[in-house]
Amino acid sequence: LLKKGIWLYVLLLLFEGALRKWLLPGFSPLL
């Protein structure tokens, strides 16, 4: 579970901006 959590952290780092720009623009908590 911890390994999966770390992988999720890395993936969110790569695609967090995509979520903020193209899926939920203006939703500041995604920061």
PDB file of all heavy atoms in Angstrom:
ATOM      1  N   LEU A   1       0.837  -1.205   0.000  1.00  0.00           N
ATOM      2  CA  LEU A   1       0.000   0.000   0.000  1.00  0.00           C
ATOM      3  C   LEU A   1       0.870   1.252   0.000  1.00  0.00           C
ATOM      4  O   LEU A   1       0.584   2.224  -0.715  1.00  0.00           O
ATOM      5  CB  LEU A   1      -0.915  -0.008   1.220  1.00  0.00           C
ATOM      6  CG  LEU A   1      -1.839   1.211   1.386  1.00  0.00           C
ATOM      7  CD1 LEU A   1      -2.811   1.299   0.219  1.00  0.00           C
ATOM      8  CD2 LEU A   1      -2.602   1.127   2.705  1.00  0.00           C
ATOM      9  N   LEU A   2       1.935   1.240   0.771  1.00  0.00           N
ATOM     10  CA  LEU A   2       2.833   2.386   0.832  1.00  0.00           C
ATOM     11  C   LEU A   2       3.542   2.597  -0.513  1.00  0.00           C
ATOM     12  O   LEU A   2       3.718   3.734  -0.959  1.00  0.00           O
ATOM     13  CB  LEU A   2       3.869   2.188   1.942  1.00  0.00           C
ATOM     14  CG  LEU A   2       3.325   2.341   3.376  1.00  0.00           C
ATOM     15  CD1 LEU A   2       4.320   1.814   4.397  1.00  0.00           C
ATOM     16  CD2 LEU A   2       2.999   3.803   3.662  1.00  0.00           C
ATOM     17  N   LYS A   3       3.932   1.502  -1.147  1.00  0.00           N
ATOM     18  CA  LYS A   3       4.563   1.627  -2.469  1.00  0.00           C
ATOM     19  C   LYS A   3       3.595   2.252  -3.471  1.00  0.00           C
ATOM     20  O   LYS A   3       3.973   3.123  -4.259  1.00  0.00           O
ATOM     21  CB  LYS A   3       5.029   0.263  -2.970  1.00  0.00           C
ATOM     22  CG  LYS A   3       6.371  -0.183  -2.431  1.00  0.00           C
ATOM     23  CD  LYS A   3       6.965  -1.294  -3.267  1.00  0.00           C
ATOM     24  CE  LYS A   3       8.372  -1.638  -2.786  1.00  0.00           C
ATOM     25  NZ  LYS A   3       9.060  -2.605  -3.649  1.00  0.00           N
ATOM     26  N   LYS A   4       2.348   1.816  -3.439  1.00  0.00           N
ATOM     27  CA  LYS A   4       1.348   2.385  -4.343  1.00  0.00           C
ATOM     28  C   LYS A   4       1.137   3.864  -4.053  1.00  0.00           C
ATOM     29  O   LYS A   4       0.949   4.673  -4.979  1.00  0.00           O
ATOM     30  CB  LYS A   4       0.030   1.616  -4.212  1.00  0.00           C
ATOM     31  CG  LYS A   4       0.085   0.195  -4.747  1.00  0.00           C
ATOM     32  CD  LYS A   4      -1.222  -0.539  -4.503  1.00  0.00           C
ATOM     33  CE  LYS A   4      -1.141  -1.985  -5.007  1.00  0.00           C
ATOM     34  NZ  LYS A   4      -2.401  -2.749  -4.702  1.00  0.00           N
ATOM     35  N   GLY A   5       1.181   4.225  -2.762  1.00  0.00           N
ATOM     36  CA  GLY A   5       1.024   5.623  -2.385  1.00  0.00           C
ATOM     37  C   GLY A   5       2.149   6.495  -2.923  1.00  0.00           C
ATOM     38  O   GLY A   5       1.922   7.630  -3.368  1.00  0.00           O
ATOM     39  N   ILE A   6       3.365   5.972  -2.901  1.00  0.00           N
ATOM     40  CA  ILE A   6       4.511   6.721  -3.435  1.00  0.00           C
ATOM     41  C   ILE A   6       4.379   6.883  -4.943  1.00  0.00           C
ATOM     42  O   ILE A   6       4.633   7.959  -5.500  1.00  0.00           O
ATOM     43  CB  ILE A   6       5.832   6.022  -3.069  1.00  0.00           C
ATOM     44  CG1 ILE A   6       6.037   6.041  -1.549  1.00  0.00           C
ATOM     45  CG2 ILE A   6       7.010   6.698  -3.771  1.00  0.00           C
ATOM     46  CD1 ILE A   6       7.170   5.170  -1.072  1.00  0.00           C
ATOM     47  N   TRP A   7       3.976   5.802  -5.617  1.00  0.00           N
ATOM     48  CA  TRP A   7       3.753   5.894  -7.059  1.00  0.00           C
ATOM     49  C   TRP A   7       2.684   6.944  -7.369  1.00  0.00           C
ATOM     50  O   TRP A   7       2.812   7.720  -8.326  1.00  0.00           O
ATOM     51  CB  TRP A   7       3.325   4.540  -7.613  1.00  0.00           C
ATOM     52  CG  TRP A   7       4.466   3.683  -8.040  1.00  0.00           C
ATOM     53  CD1 TRP A   7       5.049   2.667  -7.340  1.00  0.00           C
ATOM     54  CD2 TRP A   7       5.193   3.764  -9.272  1.00  0.00           C
ATOM     55  NE1 TRP A   7       6.085   2.112  -8.051  1.00  0.00           N
ATOM     56  CE2 TRP A   7       6.200   2.759  -9.245  1.00  0.00           C
ATOM     57  CE3 TRP A   7       5.101   4.580 -10.396  1.00  0.00           C
ATOM     58  CZ2 TRP A   7       7.087   2.560 -10.303  1.00  0.00           C
ATOM     59  CZ3 TRP A   7       5.991   4.391 -11.455  1.00  0.00           C
ATOM     60  CH2 TRP A   7       6.959   3.396 -11.394  1.00  0.00           C
ATOM     61  N   LEU A   8       1.635   6.989  -6.563  1.00  0.00           N
ATOM     62  CA  LEU A   8       0.573   7.979  -6.773  1.00  0.00           C
ATOM     63  C   LEU A   8       1.109   9.394  -6.589  1.00  0.00           C
ATOM     64  O   LEU A   8       0.741  10.303  -7.344  1.00  0.00           O
ATOM     65  CB  LEU A   8      -0.582   7.713  -5.801  1.00  0.00           C
ATOM     66  CG  LEU A   8      -1.780   8.678  -5.900  1.00  0.00           C
ATOM     67  CD1 LEU A   8      -2.374   8.657  -7.301  1.00  0.00           C
ATOM     68  CD2 LEU A   8      -2.846   8.302  -4.859  1.00  0.00           C
ATOM     69  N   TYR A   9       1.983   9.572  -5.596  1.00  0.00           N
ATOM     70  CA  TYR A   9       2.592  10.891  -5.364  1.00  0.00           C
ATOM     71  C   TYR A   9       3.373  11.329  -6.608  1.00  0.00           C
ATOM     72  O   TYR A   9       3.269  12.481  -7.045  1.00  0.00           O
ATOM     73  CB  TYR A   9       3.512  10.830  -4.147  1.00  0.00           C
ATOM     74  CG  TYR A   9       4.101  12.167  -3.734  1.00  0.00           C
ATOM     75  CD1 TYR A   9       3.481  12.951  -2.774  1.00  0.00           C
ATOM     76  CD2 TYR A   9       5.277  12.635  -4.300  1.00  0.00           C
ATOM     77  CE1 TYR A   9       4.013  14.175  -2.384  1.00  0.00           C
ATOM     78  CE2 TYR A   9       5.823  13.857  -3.929  1.00  0.00           C
ATOM     79  CZ  TYR A   9       5.188  14.621  -2.964  1.00  0.00           C
ATOM     80  OH  TYR A   9       5.727  15.836  -2.595  1.00  0.00           O
ATOM     81  N   VAL A  10       4.153  10.418  -7.182  1.00  0.00           N
ATOM     82  CA  VAL A  10       4.947  10.734  -8.374  1.00  0.00           C
ATOM     83  C   VAL A  10       4.035  11.070  -9.549  1.00  0.00           C
ATOM     84  O   VAL A  10       4.261  12.049 -10.280  1.00  0.00           O
ATOM     85  CB  VAL A  10       5.883   9.560  -8.731  1.00  0.00           C
ATOM     86  CG1 VAL A  10       6.607   9.836 -10.048  1.00  0.00           C
ATOM     87  CG2 VAL A  10       6.892   9.316  -7.613  1.00  0.00           C
ATOM     88  N   LEU A  11       2.983  10.276  -9.738  1.00  0.00           N
ATOM     89  CA  LEU A  11       2.069  10.513 -10.857  1.00  0.00           C
ATOM     90  C   LEU A  11       1.306  11.825 -10.691  1.00  0.00           C
ATOM     91  O   LEU A  11       1.087  12.550 -11.668  1.00  0.00           O
ATOM     92  CB  LEU A  11       1.088   9.343 -10.976  1.00  0.00           C
ATOM     93  CG  LEU A  11       1.711   8.013 -11.424  1.00  0.00           C
ATOM     94  CD1 LEU A  11       0.679   6.889 -11.359  1.00  0.00           C
ATOM     95  CD2 LEU A  11       2.290   8.126 -12.835  1.00  0.00           C
ATOM     96  N   LEU A  12       0.913  12.144  -9.456  1.00  0.00           N
ATOM     97  CA  LEU A  12       0.246  13.419  -9.219  1.00  0.00           C
ATOM     98  C   LEU A  12       1.186  14.588  -9.492  1.00  0.00           C
ATOM     99  O   LEU A  12       0.755  15.637  -9.981  1.00  0.00           O
ATOM    100  CB  LEU A  12      -0.265  13.489  -7.772  1.00  0.00           C
ATOM    101  CG  LEU A  12      -1.514  12.664  -7.456  1.00  0.00           C
ATOM    102  CD1 LEU A  12      -1.823  12.700  -5.961  1.00  0.00           C
ATOM    103  CD2 LEU A  12      -2.722  13.177  -8.249  1.00  0.00           C
ATOM    104  N   LEU A  13       2.442  14.411  -9.169  1.00  0.00           N
ATOM    105  CA  LEU A  13       3.426  15.454  -9.471  1.00  0.00           C
ATOM    106  C   LEU A  13       3.467  15.718 -10.973  1.00  0.00           C
ATOM    107  O   LEU A  13       3.534  16.873 -11.406  1.00  0.00           O
ATOM    108  CB  LEU A  13       4.807  15.021  -8.966  1.00  0.00           C
ATOM    109  CG  LEU A  13       5.994  15.914  -9.345  1.00  0.00           C
ATOM    110  CD1 LEU A  13       5.823  17.315  -8.771  1.00  0.00           C
ATOM    111  CD2 LEU A  13       7.303  15.298  -8.865  1.00  0.00           C
ATOM    112  N   LEU A  14       3.410  14.650 -11.769  1.00  0.00           N
ATOM    113  CA  LEU A  14       3.493  14.794 -13.221  1.00  0.00           C
ATOM    114  C   LEU A  14       2.211  15.343 -13.837  1.00  0.00           C
ATOM    115  O   LEU A  14       2.264  16.077 -14.835  1.00  0.00           O
ATOM    116  CB  LEU A  14       3.833  13.447 -13.869  1.00  0.00           C
ATOM    117  CG  LEU A  14       5.143  12.773 -13.455  1.00  0.00           C
ATOM    118  CD1 LEU A  14       5.329  11.485 -14.244  1.00  0.00           C
ATOM    119  CD2 LEU A  14       6.325  13.702 -13.654  1.00  0.00           C
ATOM    120  N   PHE A  15       1.063  14.991 -13.270  1.00  0.00           N
ATOM    121  CA  PHE A  15      -0.207  15.312 -13.932  1.00  0.00           C
ATOM    122  C   PHE A  15      -1.145  16.184 -13.114  1.00  0.00           C
ATOM    123  O   PHE A  15      -2.272  16.432 -13.544  1.00  0.00           O
ATOM    124  CB  PHE A  15      -0.917  14.007 -14.316  1.00  0.00           C
ATOM    125  CG  PHE A  15      -0.102  13.142 -15.231  1.00  0.00           C
ATOM    126  CD1 PHE A  15       0.438  11.946 -14.783  1.00  0.00           C
ATOM    127  CD2 PHE A  15       0.145  13.538 -16.528  1.00  0.00           C
ATOM    128  CE1 PHE A  15       1.207  11.154 -15.630  1.00  0.00           C
ATOM    129  CE2 PHE A  15       0.912  12.751 -17.383  1.00  0.00           C
ATOM    130  CZ  PHE A  15       1.438  11.560 -16.932  1.00  0.00           C
ATOM    131  N   GLU A  16      -0.685  16.660 -11.963  1.00  0.00           N
ATOM    132  CA  GLU A  16      -1.496  17.577 -11.151  1.00  0.00           C
ATOM    133  C   GLU A  16      -1.854  18.834 -11.951  1.00  0.00           C
ATOM    134  O   GLU A  16      -2.988  19.319 -11.917  1.00  0.00           O
ATOM    135  CB  GLU A  16      -0.701  17.938  -9.894  1.00  0.00           C
ATOM    136  CG  GLU A  16      -1.117  19.203  -9.196  1.00  0.00           C
ATOM    137  CD  GLU A  16      -0.008  19.727  -8.296  1.00  0.00           C
ATOM    138  OE1 GLU A  16       0.616  18.943  -7.567  1.00  0.00           O
ATOM    139  OE2 GLU A  16       0.241  20.946  -8.335  1.00  0.00           O
ATOM    140  N   GLY A  17      -0.881  19.367 -12.700  1.00  0.00           N
ATOM    141  CA  GLY A  17      -1.138  20.556 -13.505  1.00  0.00           C
ATOM    142  C   GLY A  17      -2.184  20.307 -14.573  1.00  0.00           C
ATOM    143  O   GLY A  17      -3.002  21.183 -14.871  1.00  0.00           O
ATOM    144  N   ALA A  18      -2.162  19.111 -15.157  1.00  0.00           N
ATOM    145  CA  ALA A  18      -3.162  18.769 -16.176  1.00  0.00           C
ATOM    146  C   ALA A  18      -4.558  18.772 -15.575  1.00  0.00           C
ATOM    147  O   ALA A  18      -5.523  19.243 -16.205  1.00  0.00           O
ATOM    148  CB  ALA A  18      -2.836  17.401 -16.775  1.00  0.00           C
ATOM    149  N   LEU A  19      -4.693  18.259 -14.365  1.00  0.00           N
ATOM    150  CA  LEU A  19      -5.985  18.277 -13.684  1.00  0.00           C
ATOM    151  C   LEU A  19      -6.456  19.703 -13.461  1.00  0.00           C
ATOM    152  O   LEU A  19      -7.631  20.033 -13.666  1.00  0.00           O
ATOM    153  CB  LEU A  19      -5.879  17.549 -12.339  1.00  0.00           C
ATOM    154  CG  LEU A  19      -5.593  16.043 -12.364  1.00  0.00           C
ATOM    155  CD1 LEU A  19      -5.391  15.526 -10.947  1.00  0.00           C
ATOM    156  CD2 LEU A  19      -6.740  15.301 -13.043  1.00  0.00           C
ATOM    157  N   ARG A  20      -5.523  20.556 -13.053  1.00  0.00           N
ATOM    158  CA  ARG A  20      -5.875  21.939 -12.731  1.00  0.00           C
ATOM    159  C   ARG A  20      -6.178  22.755 -13.981  1.00  0.00           C
ATOM    160  O   ARG A  20      -6.998  23.689 -13.941  1.00  0.00           O
ATOM    161  CB  ARG A  20      -4.736  22.603 -11.953  1.00  0.00           C
ATOM    162  CG  ARG A  20      -4.466  21.958 -10.601  1.00  0.00           C
ATOM    163  CD  ARG A  20      -3.267  22.581  -9.927  1.00  0.00           C
ATOM    164  NE  ARG A  20      -3.499  23.988  -9.635  1.00  0.00           N
ATOM    165  CZ  ARG A  20      -2.540  24.865  -9.345  1.00  0.00           C
ATOM    166  NH1 ARG A  20      -1.279  24.478  -9.349  1.00  0.00           N
ATOM    167  NH2 ARG A  20      -2.847  26.122  -9.074  1.00  0.00           N
ATOM    168  N   LYS A  21      -5.534  22.429 -15.098  1.00  0.00           N
ATOM    169  CA  LYS A  21      -5.705  23.227 -16.316  1.00  0.00           C
ATOM    170  C   LYS A  21      -6.877  22.764 -17.164  1.00  0.00           C
ATOM    171  O   LYS A  21      -7.618  23.584 -17.714  1.00  0.00           O
ATOM    172  CB  LYS A  21      -4.426  23.179 -17.155  1.00  0.00           C
ATOM    173  CG  LYS A  21      -3.236  23.873 -16.523  1.00  0.00           C
ATOM    174  CD  LYS A  21      -2.073  23.984 -17.485  1.00  0.00           C
ATOM    175  CE  LYS A  21      -1.492  22.656 -17.894  1.00  0.00           C
ATOM    176  NZ  LYS A  21      -0.287  22.805 -18.738  1.00  0.00           N
ATOM    177  N   TRP A  22      -7.038  21.452 -17.290  1.00  0.00           N
ATOM    178  CA  TRP A  22      -7.946  20.931 -18.301  1.00  0.00           C
ATOM    179  C   TRP A  22      -9.185  20.220 -17.756  1.00  0.00           C
ATOM    180  O   TRP A  22     -10.158  20.049 -18.479  1.00  0.00           O
ATOM    181  CB  TRP A  22      -7.179  19.977 -19.226  1.00  0.00           C
ATOM    182  CG  TRP A  22      -6.061  20.662 -19.937  1.00  0.00           C
ATOM    183  CD1 TRP A  22      -6.096  21.914 -20.484  1.00  0.00           C
ATOM    184  CD2 TRP A  22      -4.738  20.154 -20.174  1.00  0.00           C
ATOM    185  NE1 TRP A  22      -4.881  22.216 -21.053  1.00  0.00           N
ATOM    186  CE2 TRP A  22      -4.024  21.161 -20.879  1.00  0.00           C
ATOM    187  CE3 TRP A  22      -4.101  18.964 -19.877  1.00  0.00           C
ATOM    188  CZ2 TRP A  22      -2.703  21.004 -21.274  1.00  0.00           C
ATOM    189  CZ3 TRP A  22      -2.772  18.805 -20.280  1.00  0.00           C
ATOM    190  CH2 TRP A  22      -2.088  19.804 -20.956  1.00  0.00           C
ATOM    191  N   LEU A  23      -9.152  19.789 -16.513  1.00  0.00           N
ATOM    192  CA  LEU A  23     -10.324  19.114 -15.955  1.00  0.00           C
ATOM    193  C   LEU A  23     -11.069  19.980 -14.955  1.00  0.00           C
ATOM    194  O   LEU A  23     -12.297  20.084 -15.011  1.00  0.00           O
ATOM    195  CB  LEU A  23      -9.908  17.790 -15.304  1.00  0.00           C
ATOM    196  CG  LEU A  23      -9.411  16.697 -16.248  1.00  0.00           C
ATOM    197  CD1 LEU A  23      -9.091  15.429 -15.472  1.00  0.00           C
ATOM    198  CD2 LEU A  23     -10.443  16.398 -17.331  1.00  0.00           C
ATOM    199  N   LEU A  24     -10.342  20.594 -14.027  1.00  0.00           N
ATOM    200  CA  LEU A  24     -10.974  21.408 -12.985  1.00  0.00           C
ATOM    201  C   LEU A  24     -10.295  22.775 -12.894  1.00  0.00           C
ATOM    202  O   LEU A  24      -9.707  23.126 -11.868  1.00  0.00           O
ATOM    203  CB  LEU A  24     -10.898  20.687 -11.633  1.00  0.00           C
ATOM    204  CG  LEU A  24     -11.680  19.373 -11.516  1.00  0.00           C
ATOM    205  CD1 LEU A  24     -11.312  18.639 -10.235  1.00  0.00           C
ATOM    206  CD2 LEU A  24     -13.183  19.646 -11.561  1.00  0.00           C
ATOM    207  N   PRO A  25     -10.355  23.561 -13.953  1.00  0.00           N
ATOM    208  CA  PRO A  25      -9.702  24.877 -13.920  1.00  0.00           C
ATOM    209  C   PRO A  25     -10.314  25.774 -12.851  1.00  0.00           C
ATOM    210  O   PRO A  25     -11.535  25.784 -12.661  1.00  0.00           O
ATOM    211  CB  PRO A  25      -9.950  25.432 -15.329  1.00  0.00           C
ATOM    212  CG  PRO A  25     -11.152  24.688 -15.836  1.00  0.00           C
ATOM    213  CD  PRO A  25     -11.061  23.320 -15.235  1.00  0.00           C
ATOM    214  N   GLY A  26      -9.470  26.498 -12.162  1.00  0.00           N
ATOM    215  CA  GLY A  26      -9.940  27.406 -11.127  1.00  0.00           C
ATOM    216  C   GLY A  26     -10.164  26.760  -9.781  1.00  0.00           C
ATOM    217  O   GLY A  26     -10.458  27.449  -8.806  1.00  0.00           O
ATOM    218  N   PHE A  27     -10.016  25.432  -9.697  1.00  0.00           N
ATOM    219  CA  PHE A  27     -10.227  24.727  -8.423  1.00  0.00           C
ATOM    220  C   PHE A  27      -8.893  24.728  -7.671  1.00  0.00           C
ATOM    221  O   PHE A  27      -8.111  23.791  -7.760  1.00  0.00           O
ATOM    222  CB  PHE A  27     -10.729  23.311  -8.677  1.00  0.00           C
ATOM    223  CG  PHE A  27     -11.166  22.591  -7.433  1.00  0.00           C
ATOM    224  CD1 PHE A  27     -12.188  23.076  -6.645  1.00  0.00           C
ATOM    225  CD2 PHE A  27     -10.532  21.414  -7.046  1.00  0.00           C
ATOM    226  CE1 PHE A  27     -12.587  22.405  -5.493  1.00  0.00           C
ATOM    227  CE2 PHE A  27     -10.915  20.732  -5.897  1.00  0.00           C
ATOM    228  CZ  PHE A  27     -11.955  21.238  -5.121  1.00  0.00           C
ATOM    229  N   SER A  28      -8.647  25.776  -6.905  1.00  0.00           N
ATOM    230  CA  SER A  28      -7.356  26.000  -6.265  1.00  0.00           C
ATOM    231  C   SER A  28      -6.928  24.938  -5.259  1.00  0.00           C
ATOM    232  O   SER A  28      -5.719  24.742  -5.061  1.00  0.00           O
ATOM    233  CB  SER A  28      -7.326  27.384  -5.597  1.00  0.00           C
ATOM    234  OG  SER A  28      -8.394  27.534  -4.695  1.00  0.00           O
ATOM    235  N   PRO A  29      -7.863  24.229  -4.557  1.00  0.00           N
ATOM    236  CA  PRO A  29      -7.405  23.194  -3.615  1.00  0.00           C
ATOM    237  C   PRO A  29      -6.528  22.107  -4.244  1.00  0.00           C
ATOM    238  O   PRO A  29      -5.778  21.435  -3.530  1.00  0.00           O
ATOM    239  CB  PRO A  29      -8.712  22.596  -3.083  1.00  0.00           C
ATOM    240  CG  PRO A  29      -9.687  23.720  -3.159  1.00  0.00           C
ATOM    241  CD  PRO A  29      -9.317  24.457  -4.428  1.00  0.00           C
ATOM    242  N   LEU A  30      -6.611  21.945  -5.583  1.00  0.00           N
ATOM    243  CA  LEU A  30      -5.762  20.952  -6.239  1.00  0.00           C
ATOM    244  C   LEU A  30      -4.280  21.281  -6.099  1.00  0.00           C
ATOM    245  O   LEU A  30      -3.434  20.419  -6.283  1.00  0.00           O
ATOM    246  CB  LEU A  30      -6.125  20.844  -7.724  1.00  0.00           C
ATOM    247  CG  LEU A  30      -7.398  20.052  -8.061  1.00  0.00           C
ATOM    248  CD1 LEU A  30      -7.686  20.121  -9.549  1.00  0.00           C
ATOM    249  CD2 LEU A  30      -7.259  18.605  -7.609  1.00  0.00           C
ATOM    250  N   LEU A  31      -3.987  22.534  -5.757  1.00  0.00           N
ATOM    251  CA  LEU A  31      -2.604  22.929  -5.520  1.00  0.00           C
ATOM    252  C   LEU A  31      -1.978  22.095  -4.412  1.00  0.00           C
ATOM    253  O   LEU A  31      -0.773  21.831  -4.424  1.00  0.00           O
ATOM    254  CB  LEU A  31      -2.544  24.416  -5.139  1.00  0.00           C
ATOM    255  CG  LEU A  31      -1.179  25.004  -4.786  1.00  0.00           C
ATOM    256  CD1 LEU A  31      -0.295  25.078  -6.022  1.00  0.00           C
ATOM    257  CD2 LEU A  31      -1.341  26.392  -4.167  1.00  0.00           C
TER     258      LEU A  31
END
